[in-house]
Amino acid sequence: MSSGGKKLIVFYSLEGNTRVMAEAIAQAIDGTLLELKPVKDVSGSGFGKYFWGGKQVMFKEKPELQAFNLNPADFDTIVLGTPVWARSYAPALNTFLHQYPLTNKKIALFSCFGGSSGKTYDSIKRLIPKNSFIGEIGFKEPLKNQLEQQKQQAINWAKGLAL
């Protein structure tokens, strides 16, 4: 359990990797989870899923999100989690960051990826610059790759954040 005000873990997860890491982080810092769910999500399997997701990223699309019943402005620390698509963050996070322009918050960033985090963190920081960025970490396909070790890594990282 940590101190330092209210903590919100905002994430989008298509395949479950980002969700499992968000849950571990939330538990570690006693945070509130907010899963971003597009009204119409990327569908399909295999290459089609990556094609449509990548197209959304390249065109900076902002898919409509399902409503949620909390206000991000009420939180002091916000942890943003996203899968890496086309070397950047998922479109659902793009929608959230445009609808809720975060300022004067402590922000921590995490991502899940098959290759690398790409430019994900730099792209988010450019979009919401008026914040204090307190950490970032990436996880390589946790559901397929040493899940328990990666969850423990997420917990240790979260507990070490300057909250």
N, C-alpha and C. Protein backbone atom coordinates (compact mmCIF):
# COMPACT_ATOMS: atom_id res chain seq x y z
N MET A 1 0.86 -1.18 0.00
CA MET A 1 0.00 0.00 0.00
C MET A 1 0.89 1.23 0.00
N SER A 2 0.61 2.19 -0.86
CA SER A 2 1.43 3.39 -0.90
C SER A 2 0.58 4.61 -0.60
N SER A 3 1.26 5.70 -0.36
CA SER A 3 0.55 6.94 -0.07
C SER A 3 0.62 7.85 -1.28
N GLY A 4 0.20 9.09 -1.13
CA GLY A 4 0.36 10.03 -2.22
C GLY A 4 -0.89 10.32 -3.02
N GLY A 5 -2.05 10.18 -2.45
CA GLY A 5 -3.27 10.54 -3.16
C GLY A 5 -3.86 9.40 -3.97
N LYS A 6 -4.89 9.77 -4.72
CA LYS A 6 -5.63 8.77 -5.49
C LYS A 6 -4.89 8.42 -6.78
N LYS A 7 -4.90 7.12 -7.09
CA LYS A 7 -4.19 6.61 -8.24
C LYS A 7 -5.17 5.92 -9.21
N LEU A 8 -5.02 6.24 -10.48
CA LEU A 8 -5.87 5.68 -11.53
C LEU A 8 -5.00 4.97 -12.55
N ILE A 9 -5.35 3.74 -12.87
CA ILE A 9 -4.65 2.99 -13.91
C ILE A 9 -5.60 2.93 -15.11
N VAL A 10 -5.27 3.67 -16.14
CA VAL A 10 -6.07 3.74 -17.37
C VAL A 10 -5.38 2.87 -18.41
N PHE A 11 -6.14 1.94 -19.00
CA PHE A 11 -5.50 1.06 -19.97
C PHE A 11 -6.48 0.60 -21.03
N TYR A 12 -5.91 0.19 -22.15
CA TYR A 12 -6.65 -0.47 -23.22
C TYR A 12 -5.94 -1.80 -23.45
N SER A 13 -6.72 -2.86 -23.65
CA SER A 13 -6.15 -4.17 -23.90
C SER A 13 -7.00 -4.92 -24.91
N LEU A 14 -6.39 -5.28 -26.03
CA LEU A 14 -7.12 -6.04 -27.04
C LEU A 14 -7.04 -7.55 -26.76
N GLU A 15 -5.85 -8.03 -26.41
CA GLU A 15 -5.64 -9.47 -26.25
C GLU A 15 -5.46 -9.92 -24.81
N GLY A 16 -5.50 -8.98 -23.85
CA GLY A 16 -5.40 -9.35 -22.44
C GLY A 16 -4.06 -9.10 -21.80
N ASN A 17 -3.00 -8.88 -22.58
CA ASN A 17 -1.68 -8.63 -22.01
C ASN A 17 -1.65 -7.37 -21.15
N THR A 18 -2.14 -6.28 -21.69
CA THR A 18 -2.11 -5.02 -20.97
C THR A 18 -3.03 -5.08 -19.75
N ARG A 19 -4.15 -5.78 -19.87
CA ARG A 19 -5.08 -5.92 -18.74
C ARG A 19 -4.42 -6.62 -17.55
N VAL A 20 -3.74 -7.73 -17.79
CA VAL A 20 -3.14 -8.48 -16.69
C VAL A 20 -2.05 -7.65 -16.00
N MET A 21 -1.32 -6.87 -16.75
CA MET A 21 -0.29 -6.03 -16.14
C MET A 21 -0.92 -4.85 -15.39
N ALA A 22 -1.98 -4.28 -15.95
CA ALA A 22 -2.69 -3.18 -15.27
C ALA A 22 -3.25 -3.65 -13.93
N GLU A 23 -3.79 -4.87 -13.91
CA GLU A 23 -4.35 -5.41 -12.66
C GLU A 23 -3.26 -5.58 -11.60
N ALA A 24 -2.09 -6.06 -12.01
CA ALA A 24 -0.98 -6.24 -11.07
C ALA A 24 -0.52 -4.88 -10.53
N ILE A 25 -0.43 -3.89 -11.38
CA ILE A 25 0.00 -2.55 -10.97
C ILE A 25 -1.03 -1.93 -10.03
N ALA A 26 -2.30 -2.07 -10.37
CA ALA A 26 -3.36 -1.50 -9.52
C ALA A 26 -3.32 -2.11 -8.13
N GLN A 27 -3.13 -3.40 -8.05
CA GLN A 27 -3.07 -4.06 -6.76
C GLN A 27 -1.86 -3.58 -5.96
N ALA A 28 -0.72 -3.39 -6.64
CA ALA A 28 0.51 -2.99 -5.96
C ALA A 28 0.42 -1.60 -5.34
N ILE A 29 -0.32 -0.70 -5.99
CA ILE A 29 -0.36 0.70 -5.50
C ILE A 29 -1.75 1.10 -5.02
N ASP A 30 -2.62 0.13 -4.83
CA ASP A 30 -3.98 0.41 -4.38
C ASP A 30 -4.66 1.44 -5.30
N GLY A 31 -4.62 1.14 -6.59
CA GLY A 31 -5.17 2.06 -7.58
C GLY A 31 -6.51 1.59 -8.12
N THR A 32 -7.20 2.51 -8.74
CA THR A 32 -8.49 2.26 -9.38
C THR A 32 -8.24 1.94 -10.85
N LEU A 33 -8.87 0.88 -11.35
CA LEU A 33 -8.71 0.49 -12.76
C LEU A 33 -9.77 1.16 -13.63
N LEU A 34 -9.34 1.62 -14.81
CA LEU A 34 -10.26 2.12 -15.82
C LEU A 34 -9.84 1.51 -17.15
N GLU A 35 -10.63 0.53 -17.62
CA GLU A 35 -10.36 -0.07 -18.92
C GLU A 35 -11.10 0.69 -20.01
N LEU A 36 -10.35 1.17 -20.99
CA LEU A 36 -10.94 1.87 -22.12
C LEU A 36 -11.48 0.84 -23.10
N LYS A 37 -12.76 0.98 -23.41
CA LYS A 37 -13.41 0.03 -24.31
C LYS A 37 -14.06 0.79 -25.47
N PRO A 38 -13.51 0.65 -26.67
CA PRO A 38 -14.14 1.30 -27.82
C PRO A 38 -15.54 0.73 -28.08
N VAL A 39 -16.43 1.60 -28.54
CA VAL A 39 -17.77 1.16 -28.91
C VAL A 39 -17.65 0.09 -30.00
N LYS A 40 -16.77 0.34 -30.98
CA LYS A 40 -16.50 -0.63 -32.04
C LYS A 40 -15.00 -0.88 -32.04
N ASP A 41 -14.60 -2.05 -31.54
CA ASP A 41 -13.17 -2.35 -31.41
C ASP A 41 -12.63 -3.00 -32.67
N VAL A 42 -11.32 -3.03 -32.77
CA VAL A 42 -10.64 -3.72 -33.86
C VAL A 42 -11.04 -5.19 -33.77
N SER A 43 -11.37 -5.77 -34.90
CA SER A 43 -11.78 -7.18 -34.89
C SER A 43 -10.93 -7.95 -35.87
N GLY A 44 -11.23 -9.19 -35.96
CA GLY A 44 -10.48 -10.04 -36.87
C GLY A 44 -9.38 -10.76 -36.13
N SER A 45 -8.60 -11.49 -36.90
CA SER A 45 -7.50 -12.23 -36.29
C SER A 45 -6.31 -12.15 -37.23
N GLY A 46 -5.16 -12.52 -36.72
CA GLY A 46 -3.97 -12.55 -37.55
C GLY A 46 -3.66 -11.20 -38.15
N PHE A 47 -3.26 -11.21 -39.41
CA PHE A 47 -2.81 -10.00 -40.07
C PHE A 47 -3.87 -8.91 -40.12
N GLY A 48 -5.13 -9.28 -40.34
CA GLY A 48 -6.20 -8.28 -40.45
C GLY A 48 -6.31 -7.40 -39.22
N LYS A 49 -6.19 -8.01 -38.07
CA LYS A 49 -6.26 -7.27 -36.80
C LYS A 49 -5.13 -6.23 -36.75
N TYR A 50 -3.91 -6.63 -37.15
CA TYR A 50 -2.77 -5.72 -37.11
C TYR A 50 -2.89 -4.64 -38.18
N PHE A 51 -3.43 -5.01 -39.32
CA PHE A 51 -3.62 -4.02 -40.40
C PHE A 51 -4.57 -2.92 -39.95
N TRP A 52 -5.74 -3.29 -39.42
CA TRP A 52 -6.73 -2.28 -39.04
C TRP A 52 -6.27 -1.47 -37.83
N GLY A 53 -5.62 -2.11 -36.88
CA GLY A 53 -5.08 -1.39 -35.73
C GLY A 53 -4.00 -0.42 -36.16
N GLY A 54 -3.10 -0.87 -37.02
CA GLY A 54 -2.03 0.00 -37.52
C GLY A 54 -2.57 1.16 -38.33
N LYS A 55 -3.60 0.92 -39.12
CA LYS A 55 -4.23 1.99 -39.89
C LYS A 55 -4.79 3.06 -38.95
N GLN A 56 -5.43 2.64 -37.86
CA GLN A 56 -5.97 3.60 -36.90
C GLN A 56 -4.86 4.46 -36.30
N VAL A 57 -3.73 3.84 -35.99
CA VAL A 57 -2.61 4.58 -35.42
C VAL A 57 -2.07 5.57 -36.44
N MET A 58 -1.81 5.11 -37.65
CA MET A 58 -1.20 5.97 -38.68
C MET A 58 -2.07 7.18 -38.99
N PHE A 59 -3.38 7.03 -38.94
CA PHE A 59 -4.28 8.13 -39.24
C PHE A 59 -4.74 8.86 -37.97
N LYS A 60 -4.11 8.51 -36.85
CA LYS A 60 -4.40 9.16 -35.55
C LYS A 60 -5.90 9.16 -35.24
N GLU A 61 -6.53 8.04 -35.52
CA GLU A 61 -7.97 7.92 -35.28
C GLU A 61 -8.28 7.94 -33.79
N LYS A 62 -9.49 8.38 -33.48
CA LYS A 62 -9.97 8.44 -32.10
C LYS A 62 -11.31 7.71 -32.03
N PRO A 63 -11.27 6.39 -31.82
CA PRO A 63 -12.53 5.63 -31.77
C PRO A 63 -13.37 6.06 -30.58
N GLU A 64 -14.68 6.06 -30.77
CA GLU A 64 -15.59 6.39 -29.67
C GLU A 64 -15.45 5.35 -28.57
N LEU A 65 -15.38 5.83 -27.31
CA LEU A 65 -15.24 4.93 -26.17
C LEU A 65 -16.57 4.74 -25.46
N GLN A 66 -16.75 3.56 -24.87
CA GLN A 66 -17.90 3.34 -24.01
C GLN A 66 -17.78 4.26 -22.80
N ALA A 67 -18.91 4.71 -22.30
CA ALA A 67 -18.92 5.63 -21.17
C ALA A 67 -18.39 4.96 -19.91
N PHE A 68 -17.79 5.77 -19.05
CA PHE A 68 -17.35 5.29 -17.73
C PHE A 68 -17.75 6.32 -16.69
N ASN A 69 -17.79 5.90 -15.43
CA ASN A 69 -18.39 6.73 -14.40
C ASN A 69 -17.40 7.28 -13.38
N LEU A 70 -16.23 7.72 -13.86
CA LEU A 70 -15.31 8.40 -12.96
C LEU A 70 -14.64 9.53 -13.72
N ASN A 71 -14.06 10.46 -12.98
CA ASN A 71 -13.43 11.62 -13.59
C ASN A 71 -11.93 11.56 -13.36
N PRO A 72 -11.14 11.43 -14.42
CA PRO A 72 -9.69 11.36 -14.27
C PRO A 72 -9.10 12.57 -13.53
N ALA A 73 -9.76 13.71 -13.59
CA ALA A 73 -9.28 14.90 -12.89
C ALA A 73 -9.26 14.72 -11.37
N ASP A 74 -10.02 13.75 -10.86
CA ASP A 74 -10.09 13.51 -9.42
C ASP A 74 -8.88 12.73 -8.89
N PHE A 75 -7.97 12.33 -9.76
CA PHE A 75 -6.83 11.50 -9.35
C PHE A 75 -5.53 12.30 -9.43
N ASP A 76 -4.62 12.00 -8.51
CA ASP A 76 -3.33 12.69 -8.44
C ASP A 76 -2.30 12.02 -9.36
N THR A 77 -2.34 10.70 -9.40
CA THR A 77 -1.40 9.92 -10.19
C THR A 77 -2.18 9.09 -11.20
N ILE A 78 -1.71 9.10 -12.44
CA ILE A 78 -2.36 8.31 -13.49
C ILE A 78 -1.31 7.45 -14.17
N VAL A 79 -1.57 6.15 -14.18
CA VAL A 79 -0.71 5.19 -14.87
C VAL A 79 -1.43 4.85 -16.17
N LEU A 80 -0.76 5.07 -17.29
CA LEU A 80 -1.35 4.82 -18.61
C LEU A 80 -0.73 3.55 -19.19
N GLY A 81 -1.58 2.61 -19.60
CA GLY A 81 -1.10 1.36 -20.17
C GLY A 81 -1.69 1.11 -21.54
N THR A 82 -0.85 0.64 -22.46
CA THR A 82 -1.29 0.43 -23.83
C THR A 82 -0.50 -0.69 -24.49
N PRO A 83 -1.14 -1.42 -25.40
CA PRO A 83 -0.34 -2.27 -26.28
C PRO A 83 0.37 -1.35 -27.28
N VAL A 84 1.47 -1.82 -27.82
CA VAL A 84 2.17 -1.04 -28.85
C VAL A 84 1.65 -1.48 -30.21
N TRP A 85 1.12 -0.51 -30.93
CA TRP A 85 0.63 -0.75 -32.29
C TRP A 85 1.39 0.18 -33.21
N ALA A 86 1.99 -0.34 -34.25
CA ALA A 86 2.71 0.47 -35.24
C ALA A 86 3.68 1.42 -34.54
N ARG A 87 4.39 0.89 -33.54
CA ARG A 87 5.41 1.62 -32.78
C ARG A 87 4.85 2.78 -31.97
N SER A 88 3.55 2.75 -31.66
CA SER A 88 2.93 3.82 -30.89
C SER A 88 1.83 3.25 -30.00
N TYR A 89 1.10 4.14 -29.36
CA TYR A 89 0.03 3.72 -28.45
C TYR A 89 -1.27 3.44 -29.20
N ALA A 90 -2.14 2.68 -28.57
CA ALA A 90 -3.40 2.27 -29.19
C ALA A 90 -4.35 3.46 -29.36
N PRO A 91 -5.18 3.45 -30.40
CA PRO A 91 -6.11 4.53 -30.67
C PRO A 91 -7.07 4.84 -29.52
N ALA A 92 -7.47 3.85 -28.74
CA ALA A 92 -8.38 4.11 -27.61
C ALA A 92 -7.72 5.07 -26.62
N LEU A 93 -6.42 4.94 -26.43
CA LEU A 93 -5.70 5.86 -25.53
C LEU A 93 -5.64 7.26 -26.16
N ASN A 94 -5.53 7.31 -27.47
CA ASN A 94 -5.55 8.60 -28.17
C ASN A 94 -6.87 9.33 -27.89
N THR A 95 -7.97 8.62 -27.98
CA THR A 95 -9.29 9.20 -27.69
C THR A 95 -9.31 9.73 -26.25
N PHE A 96 -8.90 8.89 -25.30
CA PHE A 96 -8.92 9.27 -23.88
C PHE A 96 -8.08 10.53 -23.64
N LEU A 97 -6.87 10.57 -24.17
CA LEU A 97 -5.98 11.71 -23.92
C LEU A 97 -6.47 13.00 -24.57
N HIS A 98 -7.26 12.89 -25.63
CA HIS A 98 -7.85 14.09 -26.23
C HIS A 98 -9.11 14.52 -25.49
N GLN A 99 -9.87 13.58 -24.97
CA GLN A 99 -11.09 13.92 -24.23
C GLN A 99 -10.78 14.41 -22.82
N TYR A 100 -9.68 13.94 -22.25
CA TYR A 100 -9.29 14.30 -20.89
C TYR A 100 -7.85 14.80 -20.92
N PRO A 101 -7.65 16.05 -21.33
CA PRO A 101 -6.28 16.58 -21.41
C PRO A 101 -5.67 16.72 -20.01
N LEU A 102 -4.83 15.78 -19.65
CA LEU A 102 -4.26 15.71 -18.32
C LEU A 102 -3.21 16.80 -18.11
N THR A 103 -3.27 17.48 -16.98
CA THR A 103 -2.27 18.47 -16.61
C THR A 103 -2.00 18.39 -15.11
N ASN A 104 -0.78 18.70 -14.74
CA ASN A 104 -0.35 18.73 -13.34
C ASN A 104 -0.60 17.41 -12.62
N LYS A 105 -0.39 16.32 -13.31
CA LYS A 105 -0.54 14.98 -12.73
C LYS A 105 0.82 14.30 -12.70
N LYS A 106 0.95 13.31 -11.83
CA LYS A 106 2.08 12.39 -11.89
C LYS A 106 1.65 11.30 -12.85
N ILE A 107 2.47 11.08 -13.88
CA ILE A 107 2.11 10.12 -14.92
C ILE A 107 3.18 9.04 -15.01
N ALA A 108 2.75 7.78 -15.00
CA ALA A 108 3.64 6.65 -15.25
C ALA A 108 3.09 5.92 -16.48
N LEU A 109 3.99 5.37 -17.27
CA LEU A 109 3.61 4.76 -18.54
C LEU A 109 4.08 3.30 -18.60
N PHE A 110 3.21 2.43 -19.11
CA PHE A 110 3.66 1.07 -19.39
C PHE A 110 3.03 0.59 -20.68
N SER A 111 3.71 -0.37 -21.30
CA SER A 111 3.21 -0.92 -22.56
C SER A 111 3.51 -2.41 -22.61
N CYS A 112 2.75 -3.07 -23.47
CA CYS A 112 2.98 -4.48 -23.78
C CYS A 112 3.19 -4.56 -25.28
N PHE A 113 4.13 -5.41 -25.70
CA PHE A 113 4.50 -5.43 -27.11
C PHE A 113 5.05 -6.78 -27.52
N GLY A 114 5.06 -7.00 -28.82
CA GLY A 114 5.68 -8.19 -29.36
C GLY A 114 7.12 -7.93 -29.75
N GLY A 115 7.41 -6.72 -30.21
CA GLY A 115 8.77 -6.37 -30.64
C GLY A 115 9.46 -5.45 -29.65
N SER A 116 9.05 -4.18 -29.65
CA SER A 116 9.62 -3.20 -28.72
C SER A 116 8.58 -2.12 -28.45
N SER A 117 8.91 -1.21 -27.53
CA SER A 117 7.96 -0.14 -27.20
C SER A 117 7.94 0.96 -28.26
N GLY A 118 8.87 0.93 -29.21
CA GLY A 118 8.87 1.92 -30.28
C GLY A 118 8.97 3.33 -29.74
N LYS A 119 8.12 4.19 -30.25
CA LYS A 119 8.09 5.60 -29.83
C LYS A 119 6.90 5.88 -28.92
N THR A 120 6.35 4.83 -28.34
CA THR A 120 5.13 4.94 -27.55
C THR A 120 5.23 5.99 -26.46
N TYR A 121 6.24 5.91 -25.61
CA TYR A 121 6.32 6.81 -24.46
C TYR A 121 6.57 8.25 -24.91
N ASP A 122 7.47 8.45 -25.87
CA ASP A 122 7.74 9.81 -26.36
C ASP A 122 6.49 10.42 -26.97
N SER A 123 5.72 9.62 -27.70
CA SER A 123 4.49 10.13 -28.34
C SER A 123 3.48 10.56 -27.28
N ILE A 124 3.33 9.80 -26.22
CA ILE A 124 2.38 10.16 -25.15
C ILE A 124 2.86 11.42 -24.45
N LYS A 125 4.15 11.50 -24.16
CA LYS A 125 4.69 12.67 -23.46
C LYS A 125 4.49 13.95 -24.28
N ARG A 126 4.62 13.86 -25.59
CA ARG A 126 4.39 15.03 -26.44
C ARG A 126 2.93 15.47 -26.41
N LEU A 127 2.03 14.51 -26.27
CA LEU A 127 0.60 14.80 -26.28
C LEU A 127 0.13 15.45 -24.98
N ILE A 128 0.75 15.08 -23.86
CA ILE A 128 0.33 15.62 -22.54
C ILE A 128 1.56 16.14 -21.78
N PRO A 129 2.20 17.19 -22.28
CA PRO A 129 3.48 17.63 -21.72
C PRO A 129 3.42 18.28 -20.34
N LYS A 130 2.29 18.80 -19.94
CA LYS A 130 2.21 19.56 -18.69
C LYS A 130 1.95 18.66 -17.49
N ASN A 131 2.79 17.63 -17.37
CA ASN A 131 2.67 16.65 -16.30
C ASN A 131 4.06 16.26 -15.84
N SER A 132 4.13 15.59 -14.72
CA SER A 132 5.39 15.07 -14.21
C SER A 132 5.45 13.58 -14.51
N PHE A 133 6.35 13.17 -15.38
CA PHE A 133 6.46 11.77 -15.77
C PHE A 133 7.40 11.06 -14.79
N ILE A 134 6.87 10.05 -14.11
CA ILE A 134 7.60 9.44 -13.00
C ILE A 134 8.12 8.03 -13.29
N GLY A 135 7.85 7.50 -14.46
CA GLY A 135 8.37 6.17 -14.77
C GLY A 135 7.75 5.58 -16.02
N GLU A 136 8.49 4.64 -16.59
CA GLU A 136 7.97 3.90 -17.74
C GLU A 136 8.60 2.51 -17.75
N ILE A 137 7.82 1.56 -18.25
CA ILE A 137 8.29 0.18 -18.31
C ILE A 137 7.52 -0.55 -19.41
N GLY A 138 8.19 -1.54 -20.01
CA GLY A 138 7.55 -2.33 -21.05
C GLY A 138 7.61 -3.81 -20.74
N PHE A 139 6.64 -4.54 -21.29
CA PHE A 139 6.53 -5.97 -21.06
C PHE A 139 6.35 -6.68 -22.40
N LYS A 140 7.15 -7.70 -22.64
CA LYS A 140 7.07 -8.43 -23.91
C LYS A 140 6.10 -9.59 -23.77
N GLU A 141 4.96 -9.46 -24.42
CA GLU A 141 3.93 -10.51 -24.49
C GLU A 141 3.80 -11.30 -23.19
N PRO A 142 3.36 -10.65 -22.11
CA PRO A 142 3.33 -11.33 -20.81
C PRO A 142 2.53 -12.63 -20.79
N LEU A 143 1.44 -12.71 -21.51
CA LEU A 143 0.62 -13.93 -21.46
C LEU A 143 1.34 -15.13 -22.09
N LYS A 144 2.35 -14.87 -22.93
CA LYS A 144 3.08 -15.94 -23.60
C LYS A 144 4.50 -16.10 -23.06
N ASN A 145 4.94 -15.18 -22.18
CA ASN A 145 6.36 -15.10 -21.87
C ASN A 145 6.59 -14.78 -20.39
N GLN A 146 6.75 -15.80 -19.57
CA GLN A 146 7.09 -15.64 -18.15
C GLN A 146 6.13 -14.69 -17.43
N LEU A 147 4.86 -15.01 -17.49
CA LEU A 147 3.82 -14.15 -16.93
C LEU A 147 4.08 -13.79 -15.47
N GLU A 148 4.33 -14.76 -14.63
CA GLU A 148 4.49 -14.47 -13.20
C GLU A 148 5.69 -13.58 -12.94
N GLN A 149 6.78 -13.80 -13.65
CA GLN A 149 7.97 -12.95 -13.47
C GLN A 149 7.67 -11.52 -13.93
N GLN A 150 6.96 -11.38 -15.04
CA GLN A 150 6.66 -10.04 -15.54
C GLN A 150 5.67 -9.33 -14.62
N LYS A 151 4.72 -10.06 -14.07
CA LYS A 151 3.80 -9.44 -13.10
C LYS A 151 4.57 -8.95 -11.88
N GLN A 152 5.51 -9.75 -11.41
CA GLN A 152 6.31 -9.33 -10.26
C GLN A 152 7.16 -8.11 -10.61
N GLN A 153 7.67 -8.07 -11.81
CA GLN A 153 8.43 -6.90 -12.27
C GLN A 153 7.53 -5.66 -12.27
N ALA A 154 6.29 -5.81 -12.72
CA ALA A 154 5.33 -4.69 -12.73
C ALA A 154 5.04 -4.22 -11.31
N ILE A 155 4.85 -5.16 -10.40
CA ILE A 155 4.56 -4.82 -9.00
C ILE A 155 5.74 -4.07 -8.39
N ASN A 156 6.94 -4.58 -8.59
CA ASN A 156 8.13 -3.92 -8.04
C ASN A 156 8.30 -2.51 -8.61
N TRP A 157 8.08 -2.39 -9.91
CA TRP A 157 8.19 -1.08 -10.57
C TRP A 157 7.16 -0.12 -9.98
N ALA A 158 5.92 -0.57 -9.88
CA ALA A 158 4.84 0.30 -9.39
C ALA A 158 5.11 0.75 -7.95
N LYS A 159 5.56 -0.17 -7.12
CA LYS A 159 5.85 0.17 -5.72
C LYS A 159 7.02 1.15 -5.62
N GLY A 160 7.90 1.17 -6.62
CA GLY A 160 9.06 2.06 -6.62
C GLY A 160 8.80 3.44 -7.21
N LEU A 161 7.59 3.66 -7.74
CA LEU A 161 7.27 4.97 -8.32
C LEU A 161 7.19 6.03 -7.22
N ALA A 162 7.54 7.24 -7.57
CA ALA A 162 7.46 8.37 -6.62
C ALA A 162 6.03 8.88 -6.58
N LEU A 163 5.20 8.20 -5.79
CA LEU A 163 3.76 8.54 -5.73
C LEU A 163 3.46 9.56 -4.65
